[in-house]
C-alpha atoms as a PDB file:
ATOM      1  CA  MET A   1     280.211 -27.707-109.932  1.00  0.00           C
ATOM      2  CA  LYS A   2     276.838 -29.172-109.440  1.00  0.00           C
ATOM      3  CA  ILE A   3     273.612 -26.897-109.950  1.00  0.00           C
ATOM      4  CA  VAL A   4     272.586 -27.164-106.490  1.00  0.00           C
ATOM      5  CA  ASP A   5     275.806 -25.950-105.247  1.00  0.00           C
ATOM      6  CA  ARG A   6     275.774 -22.953-107.422  1.00  0.00           C
ATOM      7  CA  VAL A   7     272.345 -21.984-106.540  1.00  0.00           C
ATOM      8  CA  GLY A   8     273.172 -22.404-102.884  1.00  0.00           C
ATOM      9  CA  SER A   9     276.387 -20.291-103.272  1.00  0.00           C
ATOM     10  CA  ALA A  10     274.378 -17.653-105.020  1.00  0.00           C
ATOM     11  CA  PHE A  11     271.856 -17.533-102.337  1.00  0.00           C
ATOM     12  CA  LEU A  12     274.626 -17.410 -99.577  1.00  0.00           C
ATOM     13  CA  ARG A  13     276.445 -14.583-101.289  1.00  0.00           C
ATOM     14  CA  ARG A  14     273.253 -12.597-101.222  1.00  0.00           C
ATOM     15  CA  ILE A  15     272.549 -13.304 -97.595  1.00  0.00           C
ATOM     16  CA  LEU A  16     276.453 -12.274 -96.739  1.00  0.00           C
ATOM     17  CA  ARG A  17     276.045  -9.161 -98.870  1.00  0.00           C
ATOM     18  CA  ARG A  18     272.898  -8.115 -97.112  1.00  0.00           C
ATOM     19  CA  MET A  19     274.398  -8.786 -93.590  1.00  0.00           C
ATOM     20  CA  LYS A  20     277.299  -6.560 -94.516  1.00  0.00           C
ATOM     21  CA  GLU A  21     274.592  -3.827 -95.720  1.00  0.00           C
ATOM     22  CA  LEU A  22     273.091  -3.952 -92.369  1.00  0.00           C
ATOM     23  CA  GLY A  23     276.095  -4.160 -90.214  1.00  0.00           C
ATOM     24  CA  MET A  24     274.768  -7.572 -88.831  1.00  0.00           C
ATOM     25  CA  SER A  25     277.150 -10.227 -87.230  1.00  0.00           C
ATOM     26  CA  GLN A  26     276.498 -13.911 -87.286  1.00  0.00           C
ATOM     27  CA  THR A  27     275.773 -13.510 -83.665  1.00  0.00           C
ATOM     28  CA  ASP A  28     273.072 -10.989 -84.535  1.00  0.00           C
ATOM     29  CA  LEU A  29     271.644 -12.974 -87.005  1.00  0.00           C
ATOM     30  CA  ALA A  30     271.664 -15.909 -84.637  1.00  0.00           C
ATOM     31  CA  ARG A  31     269.590 -13.906 -82.188  1.00  0.00           C
ATOM     32  CA  GLN A  32     267.087 -12.800 -84.888  1.00  0.00           C
ATOM     33  CA  MET A  33     266.541 -16.210 -85.842  1.00  0.00           C
ATOM     34  CA  ASN A  34     266.678 -17.810 -82.271  1.00  0.00           C
ATOM     35  CA  VAL A  35     269.099 -20.193 -83.424  1.00  0.00           C
ATOM     36  CA  SER A  36     272.915 -20.671 -82.249  1.00  0.00           C
ATOM     37  CA  ARG A  37     275.832 -18.934 -83.661  1.00  0.00           C
ATOM     38  CA  PRO A  38     277.648 -22.197 -84.491  1.00  0.00           C
ATOM     39  CA  TYR A  39     274.582 -23.050 -86.850  1.00  0.00           C
ATOM     40  CA  ILE A  40     274.737 -19.820 -88.776  1.00  0.00           C
ATOM     41  CA  THR A  41     278.447 -20.430 -89.106  1.00  0.00           C
ATOM     42  CA  LYS A  42     277.708 -23.897 -90.623  1.00  0.00           C
ATOM     43  CA  VAL A  43     274.863 -22.469 -93.014  1.00  0.00           C
ATOM     44  CA  LEU A  44     277.055 -19.637 -94.278  1.00  0.00           C
ATOM     45  CA  HIS A  45     279.881 -22.222 -94.896  1.00  0.00           C
ATOM     46  CA  GLN A  46     277.486 -24.527 -96.582  1.00  0.00           C
ATOM     47  CA  ASP A  47     278.194 -27.339 -93.837  1.00  0.00           C
ATOM     48  CA  VAL A  48     274.599 -28.066 -93.224  1.00  0.00           C
ATOM     49  CA  ASN A  49     271.502 -28.532 -95.553  1.00  0.00           C
ATOM     50  CA  PHE A  50     268.788 -26.198 -94.742  1.00  0.00           C
ATOM     51  CA  SER A  51     265.082 -26.259 -95.387  1.00  0.00           C
ATOM     52  CA  PHE A  52     263.148 -23.645 -97.227  1.00  0.00           C
ATOM     53  CA  ARG A  53     261.552 -22.759 -93.702  1.00  0.00           C
ATOM     54  CA  THR A  54     265.176 -21.702 -92.401  1.00  0.00           C
ATOM     55  CA  ALA A  55     266.132 -19.839 -95.791  1.00  0.00           C
ATOM     56  CA  ALA A  56     262.627 -17.777 -95.170  1.00  0.00           C
ATOM     57  CA  LYS A  57     263.766 -17.215 -91.528  1.00  0.00           C
ATOM     58  CA  LEU A  58     267.074 -16.123 -92.991  1.00  0.00           C
ATOM     59  CA  ALA A  59     265.566 -13.809 -95.532  1.00  0.00           C
ATOM     60  CA  ASN A  60     262.985 -12.334 -92.782  1.00  0.00           C
ATOM     61  CA  ALA A  61     265.853 -11.825 -90.115  1.00  0.00           C
ATOM     62  CA  LEU A  62     267.661  -9.761 -92.865  1.00  0.00           C
ATOM     63  CA  LYS A  63     264.424  -7.976 -94.023  1.00  0.00           C
ATOM     64  CA  MET A  64     264.551  -9.571 -97.559  1.00  0.00           C
ATOM     65  CA  ASP A  65     261.994 -11.090 -99.341  1.00  0.00           C
ATOM     66  CA  PHE A  66     262.141 -14.817-100.102  1.00  0.00           C
ATOM     67  CA  PHE A  67     260.343 -16.006-103.246  1.00  0.00           C
ATOM     68  CA  PRO A  68     262.223 -19.022-104.889  1.00  0.00           C
ATOM     69  CA  GLU A  69     261.883 -18.465-108.568  1.00  0.00           C
ATOM     70  CA  LEU A  70     261.542 -21.338-110.785  1.00  0.00           C
ATOM     71  CA  ARG A  71     262.113 -21.005-114.439  1.00  0.00           C
ATOM     72  CA  PRO A  72     263.516 -22.741-117.571  1.00  0.00           C
ATOM     73  CA  GLN A  73     267.161 -23.456-117.290  1.00  0.00           C
ATOM     74  CA  GLU A  74     269.672 -21.213-118.419  1.00  0.00           C
ATOM     75  CA  SER A  75     273.338 -21.902-119.280  1.00  0.00           C
ATOM     76  CA  ALA A  76     275.494 -22.354-116.455  1.00  0.00           C
ATOM     77  CA  ASP A  77     277.346 -19.066-117.330  1.00  0.00           C
ATOM     78  CA  GLU A  78     273.986 -17.096-117.007  1.00  0.00           C
ATOM     79  CA  LEU A  79     273.050 -18.285-113.261  1.00  0.00           C
ATOM     80  CA  PRO A  80     272.584 -15.290-110.976  1.00  0.00           C
ATOM     81  CA  ALA A  81     275.595 -14.108-108.659  1.00  0.00           C
END
């Protein structure tokens, strides 16, 4: 699996976990972000590339901080879940 895919998967797992914590549906998230529910479905299934701006909007809608961290690469086994 490519590093970009692994990072994207880890990010989306965090988004899904937070949605569950808040009891937020895809429809609720779409309303918070002022986008369509089908777009949220595509994002959550990694069927669309999205920008840092969209990632920040996701985080804001879910009351999460979004500060991408850049650091020296670790082994693939040590990537965050």
